[in-house]
Amino acid sequence: MRLFQLTLATIFQRKAWVLCVLAVCILPFALPLLSSATEKPLLVQPARVLAAWNTLWICTLLWGFFTAARQGEDNAKSGIGEYFLTTGVSATRQLFEIWLAVFCCIAPMTLATVAICQFGASPADPAERSMWWLLNLQYASLFLLVIAPLLALATALASRFGSIVGFAVALGLTLYGLWGVGYLDNMLKLEENPILHGLWLYSPQYRFADLTQRLYFKSGALPSAAFWTMILYFGGILAVYTGLSRLCFRTRLST
């Protein structure tokens, strides 16, 4: 795991992660105080939920994808990938170790967000609180399952086409899956279009993994059947993106 250690050390040395950690830990408490939520104490906790998860999404989409893309490009351009090939570390193993280093930075921030929502924004009603921890865990599981293959895709594309492409594609796919498919769905409800319907059908429906509104309105945990269906769905996307990432990933400039 030498490449993993090297990548993780590089990420820590650049220190941009410090800003993300501070944002994830501080903004959920600071932003509600600056908003109109302070006028009604009942709104402070929902506002904290919105601030916590939105901060995590923003940090992951911007810093996480950028870091993954940069590490993928550096691995190919600097000669590190070629060196590790000579030591017997395959391209698949290199992609995994780079991905794991970035993922190990995102996962603790996700757990911190869950902890903030669990201990700093849990509902007062005992009936609602009993399902609060389960909903938080469901959200964290879906979030990580969505982000994990996109980090690998950003790394792989950057190793072949450059960090800008890797970052832009991963960011574009996520934004499209979170909001773009919703607009497309609304268009199809107004007017049927076979081409757009086919596009919508094969689009990644990341919006289903965003449970922020469910937390905000205290709707309770997802039913088990629905949750495991979503796990299988996003697991299938993970398998597809993993295959694409391995096909795109390269360890040196010339192959």
C-alpha atoms as a PDB file:
ATOM      1  CA  MET A   1       0.000   0.000   0.000  1.00  0.00           C
ATOM      2  CA  ARG A   2       2.907   2.355  -0.654  1.00  0.00           C
ATOM      3  CA  LEU A   3       1.040   4.333  -3.306  1.00  0.00           C
ATOM      4  CA  PHE A   4      -1.889   4.732  -0.919  1.00  0.00           C
ATOM      5  CA  GLN A   5       0.427   6.094   1.758  1.00  0.00           C
ATOM      6  CA  LEU A   6       2.156   8.408  -0.718  1.00  0.00           C
ATOM      7  CA  THR A   7      -1.158   9.746  -2.053  1.00  0.00           C
ATOM      8  CA  LEU A   8      -2.567  10.265   1.422  1.00  0.00           C
ATOM      9  CA  ALA A   9       0.616  12.036   2.547  1.00  0.00           C
ATOM     10  CA  THR A  10       0.432  14.300  -0.522  1.00  0.00           C
ATOM     11  CA  ILE A  11      -3.186  15.197   0.207  1.00  0.00           C
ATOM     12  CA  PHE A  12      -2.359  15.999   3.836  1.00  0.00           C
ATOM     13  CA  GLN A  13       0.673  18.058   2.838  1.00  0.00           C
ATOM     14  CA  ARG A  14      -1.393  20.301   0.555  1.00  0.00           C
ATOM     15  CA  LYS A  15      -3.631  21.109   3.552  1.00  0.00           C
ATOM     16  CA  ALA A  16      -6.711  22.050   1.503  1.00  0.00           C
ATOM     17  CA  TRP A  17      -8.552  19.332   3.405  1.00  0.00           C
ATOM     18  CA  VAL A  18      -8.303  21.475   6.550  1.00  0.00           C
ATOM     19  CA  LEU A  19     -10.709  24.018   5.055  1.00  0.00           C
ATOM     20  CA  CYS A  20     -13.198  21.252   4.247  1.00  0.00           C
ATOM     21  CA  VAL A  21     -13.012  19.798   7.749  1.00  0.00           C
ATOM     22  CA  LEU A  22     -13.507  23.226   9.314  1.00  0.00           C
ATOM     23  CA  ALA A  23     -16.430  23.942   6.982  1.00  0.00           C
ATOM     24  CA  VAL A  24     -18.115  20.616   7.752  1.00  0.00           C
ATOM     25  CA  CYS A  25     -17.673  21.029  11.510  1.00  0.00           C
ATOM     26  CA  ILE A  26     -18.337  24.767  11.924  1.00  0.00           C
ATOM     27  CA  LEU A  27     -20.766  25.922   9.216  1.00  0.00           C
ATOM     28  CA  PRO A  28     -23.706  23.751  10.400  1.00  0.00           C
ATOM     29  CA  PHE A  29     -23.607  25.674  13.692  1.00  0.00           C
ATOM     30  CA  ALA A  30     -22.648  29.100  12.306  1.00  0.00           C
ATOM     31  CA  LEU A  31     -24.956  29.435   9.295  1.00  0.00           C
ATOM     32  CA  PRO A  32     -28.277  28.947  11.181  1.00  0.00           C
ATOM     33  CA  LEU A  33     -27.246  31.763  13.529  1.00  0.00           C
ATOM     34  CA  LEU A  34     -26.825  34.083  10.559  1.00  0.00           C
ATOM     35  CA  SER A  35     -30.192  33.187   9.027  1.00  0.00           C
ATOM     36  CA  SER A  36     -33.785  33.963   9.909  1.00  0.00           C
ATOM     37  CA  ALA A  37     -34.012  30.593  11.685  1.00  0.00           C
ATOM     38  CA  THR A  38     -32.978  32.286  14.933  1.00  0.00           C
ATOM     39  CA  GLU A  39     -36.333  34.085  14.986  1.00  0.00           C
ATOM     40  CA  LYS A  40     -38.042  30.737  15.583  1.00  0.00           C
ATOM     41  CA  PRO A  41     -36.096  28.269  17.758  1.00  0.00           C
ATOM     42  CA  LEU A  42     -37.926  25.332  16.140  1.00  0.00           C
ATOM     43  CA  LEU A  43     -36.249  26.160  12.816  1.00  0.00           C
ATOM     44  CA  VAL A  44     -32.677  26.093  14.113  1.00  0.00           C
ATOM     45  CA  GLN A  45     -32.295  22.316  14.044  1.00  0.00           C
ATOM     46  CA  PRO A  46     -33.762  21.876  10.515  1.00  0.00           C
ATOM     47  CA  ALA A  47     -31.517  24.704   9.324  1.00  0.00           C
ATOM     48  CA  ARG A  48     -28.551  22.900  10.863  1.00  0.00           C
ATOM     49  CA  VAL A  49     -29.452  19.738   8.958  1.00  0.00           C
ATOM     50  CA  LEU A  50     -29.569  21.671   5.679  1.00  0.00           C
ATOM     51  CA  ALA A  51     -26.264  23.389   6.400  1.00  0.00           C
ATOM     52  CA  ALA A  52     -24.539  20.153   7.437  1.00  0.00           C
ATOM     53  CA  TRP A  53     -25.421  18.019   4.427  1.00  0.00           C
ATOM     54  CA  ASN A  54     -25.207  20.818   1.870  1.00  0.00           C
ATOM     55  CA  THR A  55     -21.730  21.690   3.144  1.00  0.00           C
ATOM     56  CA  LEU A  56     -20.681  18.054   2.813  1.00  0.00           C
ATOM     57  CA  TRP A  57     -22.036  17.845  -0.747  1.00  0.00           C
ATOM     58  CA  ILE A  58     -20.269  21.057  -1.769  1.00  0.00           C
ATOM     59  CA  CYS A  59     -16.936  20.062  -0.215  1.00  0.00           C
ATOM     60  CA  THR A  60     -17.094  16.639  -1.835  1.00  0.00           C
ATOM     61  CA  LEU A  61     -18.122  17.878  -5.269  1.00  0.00           C
ATOM     62  CA  LEU A  62     -15.484  20.606  -5.358  1.00  0.00           C
ATOM     63  CA  TRP A  63     -12.545  19.503  -3.233  1.00  0.00           C
ATOM     64  CA  GLY A  64     -13.103  15.725  -3.423  1.00  0.00           C
ATOM     65  CA  PHE A  65     -13.422  15.482  -7.197  1.00  0.00           C
ATOM     66  CA  PHE A  66     -10.637  17.998  -7.761  1.00  0.00           C
ATOM     67  CA  THR A  67      -8.288  16.080  -5.472  1.00  0.00           C
ATOM     68  CA  ALA A  68      -9.114  12.745  -7.093  1.00  0.00           C
ATOM     69  CA  ALA A  69      -8.568  14.202 -10.562  1.00  0.00           C
ATOM     70  CA  ARG A  70      -5.315  15.878  -9.597  1.00  0.00           C
ATOM     71  CA  GLN A  71      -3.919  12.716  -8.049  1.00  0.00           C
ATOM     72  CA  GLY A  72      -4.839  10.704 -11.137  1.00  0.00           C
ATOM     73  CA  GLU A  73      -3.118  13.172 -13.449  1.00  0.00           C
ATOM     74  CA  ASP A  74      -0.024  13.467 -11.244  1.00  0.00           C
ATOM     75  CA  ASN A  75       0.303   9.695 -11.064  1.00  0.00           C
ATOM     76  CA  ALA A  76       0.479   9.460 -14.863  1.00  0.00           C
ATOM     77  CA  LYS A  77       2.526  12.584 -15.603  1.00  0.00           C
ATOM     78  CA  SER A  78       5.098  12.455 -12.826  1.00  0.00           C
ATOM     79  CA  GLY A  79       6.268   8.930 -13.588  1.00  0.00           C
ATOM     80  CA  ILE A  80       5.051   7.576 -10.247  1.00  0.00           C
ATOM     81  CA  GLY A  81       2.633   5.212 -11.961  1.00  0.00           C
ATOM     82  CA  GLU A  82       5.335   3.883 -14.251  1.00  0.00           C
ATOM     83  CA  TYR A  83       7.680   3.391 -11.313  1.00  0.00           C
ATOM     84  CA  PHE A  84       5.109   1.400  -9.361  1.00  0.00           C
ATOM     85  CA  LEU A  85       4.450  -0.715 -12.450  1.00  0.00           C
ATOM     86  CA  THR A  86       8.109  -1.752 -12.429  1.00  0.00           C
ATOM     87  CA  THR A  87       7.767  -2.782  -8.786  1.00  0.00           C
ATOM     88  CA  GLY A  88       4.844  -5.070  -9.594  1.00  0.00           C
ATOM     89  CA  VAL A  89       1.931  -2.811  -8.634  1.00  0.00           C
ATOM     90  CA  SER A  90      -0.636  -3.252 -11.396  1.00  0.00           C
ATOM     91  CA  ALA A  91      -2.694  -0.440 -12.910  1.00  0.00           C
ATOM     92  CA  THR A  92      -5.806  -1.792 -11.191  1.00  0.00           C
ATOM     93  CA  ARG A  93      -4.063  -1.731  -7.842  1.00  0.00           C
ATOM     94  CA  GLN A  94      -2.802   1.797  -8.435  1.00  0.00           C
ATOM     95  CA  LEU A  95      -6.281   3.058  -9.257  1.00  0.00           C
ATOM     96  CA  PHE A  96      -7.636   1.398  -6.130  1.00  0.00           C
ATOM     97  CA  GLU A  97      -4.961   2.846  -3.858  1.00  0.00           C
ATOM     98  CA  ILE A  98      -5.370   6.394  -5.212  1.00  0.00           C
ATOM     99  CA  TRP A  99      -9.142   6.095  -4.881  1.00  0.00           C
ATOM    100  CA  LEU A 100      -8.845   4.722  -1.348  1.00  0.00           C
ATOM    101  CA  ALA A 101      -6.641   7.626  -0.241  1.00  0.00           C
ATOM    102  CA  VAL A 102      -9.212  10.190  -1.397  1.00  0.00           C
ATOM    103  CA  PHE A 103     -12.141   8.152  -0.072  1.00  0.00           C
ATOM    104  CA  CYS A 104     -10.469   7.962   3.341  1.00  0.00           C
ATOM    105  CA  CYS A 105     -10.671  11.757   3.464  1.00  0.00           C
ATOM    106  CA  ILE A 106     -14.336  11.927   2.443  1.00  0.00           C
ATOM    107  CA  ALA A 107     -15.593   9.179   4.775  1.00  0.00           C
ATOM    108  CA  PRO A 108     -14.615  10.910   8.075  1.00  0.00           C
ATOM    109  CA  MET A 109     -16.298  14.126   6.946  1.00  0.00           C
ATOM    110  CA  THR A 110     -19.433  12.092   6.208  1.00  0.00           C
ATOM    111  CA  LEU A 111     -19.340  10.564   9.676  1.00  0.00           C
ATOM    112  CA  ALA A 112     -18.847  14.021  11.187  1.00  0.00           C
ATOM    113  CA  THR A 113     -21.940  15.236   9.326  1.00  0.00           C
ATOM    114  CA  VAL A 114     -23.932  12.272  10.619  1.00  0.00           C
ATOM    115  CA  ALA A 115     -22.744  12.993  14.170  1.00  0.00           C
ATOM    116  CA  ILE A 116     -23.747  16.675  13.895  1.00  0.00           C
ATOM    117  CA  CYS A 117     -27.219  15.734  12.662  1.00  0.00           C
ATOM    118  CA  GLN A 118     -27.577  13.002  15.254  1.00  0.00           C
ATOM    119  CA  PHE A 119     -26.440  14.911  18.330  1.00  0.00           C
ATOM    120  CA  GLY A 120     -26.965  18.524  17.270  1.00  0.00           C
ATOM    121  CA  ALA A 121     -30.204  18.391  15.314  1.00  0.00           C
ATOM    122  CA  SER A 122     -32.198  15.386  16.496  1.00  0.00           C
ATOM    123  CA  PRO A 123     -35.945  15.973  17.010  1.00  0.00           C
ATOM    124  CA  ALA A 124     -37.368  16.350  20.491  1.00  0.00           C
ATOM    125  CA  ASP A 125     -40.273  13.985  19.840  1.00  0.00           C
ATOM    126  CA  PRO A 126     -39.281  10.494  21.078  1.00  0.00           C
ATOM    127  CA  ALA A 127     -41.127   8.795  18.206  1.00  0.00           C
ATOM    128  CA  GLU A 128     -39.261  10.842  15.623  1.00  0.00           C
ATOM    129  CA  ARG A 129     -35.953  10.491  17.433  1.00  0.00           C
ATOM    130  CA  SER A 130     -36.207   6.691  17.411  1.00  0.00           C
ATOM    131  CA  MET A 131     -35.914   6.658  13.609  1.00  0.00           C
ATOM    132  CA  TRP A 132     -33.504   9.587  13.344  1.00  0.00           C
ATOM    133  CA  TRP A 133     -30.308   7.562  13.714  1.00  0.00           C
ATOM    134  CA  LEU A 134     -31.480   5.045  11.116  1.00  0.00           C
ATOM    135  CA  LEU A 135     -32.288   7.783   8.588  1.00  0.00           C
ATOM    136  CA  ASN A 136     -28.869   9.355   9.157  1.00  0.00           C
ATOM    137  CA  LEU A 137     -27.136   6.030   8.570  1.00  0.00           C
ATOM    138  CA  GLN A 138     -29.223   5.414   5.437  1.00  0.00           C
ATOM    139  CA  TYR A 139     -28.278   8.834   4.091  1.00  0.00           C
ATOM    140  CA  ALA A 140     -24.576   8.297   4.827  1.00  0.00           C
ATOM    141  CA  SER A 141     -24.628   4.881   3.143  1.00  0.00           C
ATOM    142  CA  LEU A 142     -26.305   6.197  -0.012  1.00  0.00           C
ATOM    143  CA  PHE A 143     -24.051   9.260  -0.112  1.00  0.00           C
ATOM    144  CA  LEU A 144     -20.854   7.216   0.052  1.00  0.00           C
ATOM    145  CA  LEU A 145     -22.203   4.692  -2.460  1.00  0.00           C
ATOM    146  CA  VAL A 146     -22.882   7.521  -4.910  1.00  0.00           C
ATOM    147  CA  ILE A 147     -19.600   9.366  -4.371  1.00  0.00           C
ATOM    148  CA  ALA A 148     -17.255   6.349  -4.348  1.00  0.00           C
ATOM    149  CA  PRO A 149     -17.446   5.416  -8.069  1.00  0.00           C
ATOM    150  CA  LEU A 150     -17.420   9.075  -9.116  1.00  0.00           C
ATOM    151  CA  LEU A 151     -14.102   9.568  -7.298  1.00  0.00           C
ATOM    152  CA  ALA A 152     -12.671   6.602  -9.209  1.00  0.00           C
ATOM    153  CA  LEU A 153     -14.036   7.960 -12.486  1.00  0.00           C
ATOM    154  CA  ALA A 154     -12.508  11.395 -11.851  1.00  0.00           C
ATOM    155  CA  THR A 155      -9.145   9.767 -11.112  1.00  0.00           C
ATOM    156  CA  ALA A 156      -9.223   7.562 -14.193  1.00  0.00           C
ATOM    157  CA  LEU A 157     -10.338  10.236 -16.649  1.00  0.00           C
ATOM    158  CA  ALA A 158      -7.748  12.663 -15.308  1.00  0.00           C
ATOM    159  CA  SER A 159      -4.982  10.130 -15.790  1.00  0.00           C
ATOM    160  CA  ARG A 160      -5.834   9.941 -19.494  1.00  0.00           C
ATOM    161  CA  PHE A 161      -7.299  13.334 -20.415  1.00  0.00           C
ATOM    162  CA  GLY A 162      -6.110  15.675 -17.667  1.00  0.00           C
ATOM    163  CA  SER A 163      -7.418  16.847 -14.321  1.00  0.00           C
ATOM    164  CA  ILE A 164      -9.830  19.419 -15.804  1.00  0.00           C
ATOM    165  CA  VAL A 165     -11.672  16.722 -17.757  1.00  0.00           C
ATOM    166  CA  GLY A 166     -11.748  14.324 -14.830  1.00  0.00           C
ATOM    167  CA  PHE A 167     -13.078  16.967 -12.464  1.00  0.00           C
ATOM    168  CA  ALA A 168     -15.607  18.414 -14.929  1.00  0.00           C
ATOM    169  CA  VAL A 169     -17.084  15.050 -15.950  1.00  0.00           C
ATOM    170  CA  ALA A 170     -17.484  13.836 -12.359  1.00  0.00           C
ATOM    171  CA  LEU A 171     -18.982  17.161 -11.277  1.00  0.00           C
ATOM    172  CA  GLY A 172     -21.276  17.326 -14.311  1.00  0.00           C
ATOM    173  CA  LEU A 173     -22.577  13.789 -13.805  1.00  0.00           C
ATOM    174  CA  THR A 174     -23.325  14.468 -10.157  1.00  0.00           C
ATOM    175  CA  LEU A 175     -25.103  17.766 -10.774  1.00  0.00           C
ATOM    176  CA  TYR A 176     -27.082  16.195 -13.600  1.00  0.00           C
ATOM    177  CA  GLY A 177     -28.041  13.218 -11.440  1.00  0.00           C
ATOM    178  CA  LEU A 178     -29.056  15.440  -8.524  1.00  0.00           C
ATOM    179  CA  TRP A 179     -31.011  18.145 -10.369  1.00  0.00           C
ATOM    180  CA  GLY A 180     -30.850  17.723 -14.132  1.00  0.00           C
ATOM    181  CA  VAL A 181     -32.873  14.512 -14.242  1.00  0.00           C
ATOM    182  CA  GLY A 182     -35.575  16.227 -12.185  1.00  0.00           C
ATOM    183  CA  TYR A 183     -35.965  18.959 -14.799  1.00  0.00           C
ATOM    184  CA  LEU A 184     -35.943  16.309 -17.512  1.00  0.00           C
ATOM    185  CA  ASP A 185     -38.659  14.391 -15.695  1.00  0.00           C
ATOM    186  CA  ASN A 186     -40.816  17.524 -15.473  1.00  0.00           C
ATOM    187  CA  MET A 187     -40.379  18.116 -19.212  1.00  0.00           C
ATOM    188  CA  LEU A 188     -41.511  14.566 -19.981  1.00  0.00           C
ATOM    189  CA  LYS A 189     -44.620  15.049 -17.843  1.00  0.00           C
ATOM    190  CA  LEU A 190     -45.582  18.010 -19.997  1.00  0.00           C
ATOM    191  CA  GLU A 191     -44.757  16.414 -23.359  1.00  0.00           C
ATOM    192  CA  GLU A 192     -43.721  12.880 -24.256  1.00  0.00           C
ATOM    193  CA  ASN A 193     -40.489  12.480 -26.192  1.00  0.00           C
ATOM    194  CA  PRO A 194     -39.055   8.987 -26.863  1.00  0.00           C
ATOM    195  CA  ILE A 195     -35.477  10.262 -27.130  1.00  0.00           C
ATOM    196  CA  LEU A 196     -35.637  12.255 -23.907  1.00  0.00           C
ATOM    197  CA  HIS A 197     -37.432   9.376 -22.216  1.00  0.00           C
ATOM    198  CA  GLY A 198     -34.600   7.032 -23.178  1.00  0.00           C
ATOM    199  CA  LEU A 199     -32.067   9.554 -21.874  1.00  0.00           C
ATOM    200  CA  TRP A 200     -33.976   9.862 -18.613  1.00  0.00           C
ATOM    201  CA  LEU A 201     -34.301   6.093 -18.272  1.00  0.00           C
ATOM    202  CA  TYR A 202     -30.537   5.539 -18.424  1.00  0.00           C
ATOM    203  CA  SER A 203     -29.592   8.617 -16.413  1.00  0.00           C
ATOM    204  CA  PRO A 204     -28.087   8.198 -12.916  1.00  0.00           C
ATOM    205  CA  GLN A 205     -30.866   9.130 -10.510  1.00  0.00           C
ATOM    206  CA  TYR A 206     -28.672  10.564  -7.776  1.00  0.00           C
ATOM    207  CA  ARG A 207     -31.562  12.696  -6.541  1.00  0.00           C
ATOM    208  CA  PHE A 208     -32.931   9.611  -4.782  1.00  0.00           C
ATOM    209  CA  ALA A 209     -29.784   9.475  -2.634  1.00  0.00           C
ATOM    210  CA  ASP A 210     -30.276  13.035  -1.400  1.00  0.00           C
ATOM    211  CA  LEU A 211     -32.319  12.596   1.758  1.00  0.00           C
ATOM    212  CA  THR A 212     -31.780  16.130   3.053  1.00  0.00           C
ATOM    213  CA  GLN A 213     -35.425  17.098   2.645  1.00  0.00           C
ATOM    214  CA  ARG A 214     -36.486  13.907   4.384  1.00  0.00           C
ATOM    215  CA  LEU A 215     -34.357  14.901   7.366  1.00  0.00           C
ATOM    216  CA  TYR A 216     -35.567  18.494   7.196  1.00  0.00           C
ATOM    217  CA  PHE A 217     -39.243  17.544   7.325  1.00  0.00           C
ATOM    218  CA  LYS A 218     -38.619  14.653   9.773  1.00  0.00           C
ATOM    219  CA  SER A 219     -40.281  12.149   7.466  1.00  0.00           C
ATOM    220  CA  GLY A 220     -38.672   9.167   9.148  1.00  0.00           C
ATOM    221  CA  ALA A 221     -36.405   6.421   7.851  1.00  0.00           C
ATOM    222  CA  LEU A 222     -36.849   4.891   4.418  1.00  0.00           C
ATOM    223  CA  PRO A 223     -38.767   1.602   4.313  1.00  0.00           C
ATOM    224  CA  SER A 224     -36.388  -1.351   4.193  1.00  0.00           C
ATOM    225  CA  ALA A 225     -37.547  -2.487   0.746  1.00  0.00           C
ATOM    226  CA  ALA A 226     -37.056   0.979  -0.758  1.00  0.00           C
ATOM    227  CA  PHE A 227     -33.663   1.419   0.879  1.00  0.00           C
ATOM    228  CA  TRP A 228     -32.274  -1.914  -0.330  1.00  0.00           C
ATOM    229  CA  THR A 229     -33.672  -1.294  -3.815  1.00  0.00           C
ATOM    230  CA  MET A 230     -31.709   1.957  -3.879  1.00  0.00           C
ATOM    231  CA  ILE A 231     -28.606   0.167  -2.603  1.00  0.00           C
ATOM    232  CA  LEU A 232     -28.867  -2.328  -5.471  1.00  0.00           C
ATOM    233  CA  TYR A 233     -29.486   0.452  -7.986  1.00  0.00           C
ATOM    234  CA  PHE A 234     -26.486   2.523  -6.934  1.00  0.00           C
ATOM    235  CA  GLY A 235     -24.438  -0.655  -6.565  1.00  0.00           C
ATOM    236  CA  GLY A 236     -25.134  -1.360 -10.234  1.00  0.00           C
ATOM    237  CA  ILE A 237     -23.959   2.136 -11.161  1.00  0.00           C
ATOM    238  CA  LEU A 238     -20.855   1.536  -9.063  1.00  0.00           C
ATOM    239  CA  ALA A 239     -20.098  -1.625 -11.044  1.00  0.00           C
ATOM    240  CA  VAL A 240     -20.501   0.200 -14.375  1.00  0.00           C
ATOM    241  CA  TYR A 241     -18.341   3.147 -13.324  1.00  0.00           C
ATOM    242  CA  THR A 242     -15.714   0.829 -11.891  1.00  0.00           C
ATOM    243  CA  GLY A 243     -15.385  -0.917 -15.237  1.00  0.00           C
ATOM    244  CA  LEU A 244     -15.236   2.383 -17.129  1.00  0.00           C
ATOM    245  CA  SER A 245     -12.671   3.741 -14.702  1.00  0.00           C
ATOM    246  CA  ARG A 246     -10.405   0.749 -15.161  1.00  0.00           C
ATOM    247  CA  LEU A 247     -10.665   1.043 -18.947  1.00  0.00           C
ATOM    248  CA  CYS A 248      -9.773   4.755 -18.861  1.00  0.00           C
ATOM    249  CA  PHE A 249      -7.073   4.647 -16.198  1.00  0.00           C
ATOM    250  CA  ARG A 250      -3.465   4.732 -17.293  1.00  0.00           C
ATOM    251  CA  THR A 251      -0.252   4.827 -15.309  1.00  0.00           C
ATOM    252  CA  ARG A 252       1.971   6.669 -17.780  1.00  0.00           C
ATOM    253  CA  LEU A 253       1.780   9.144 -20.628  1.00  0.00           C
ATOM    254  CA  SER A 254       2.473   6.608 -23.367  1.00  0.00           C
ATOM    255  CA  THR A 255       1.046   3.081 -23.261  1.00  0.00           C
END
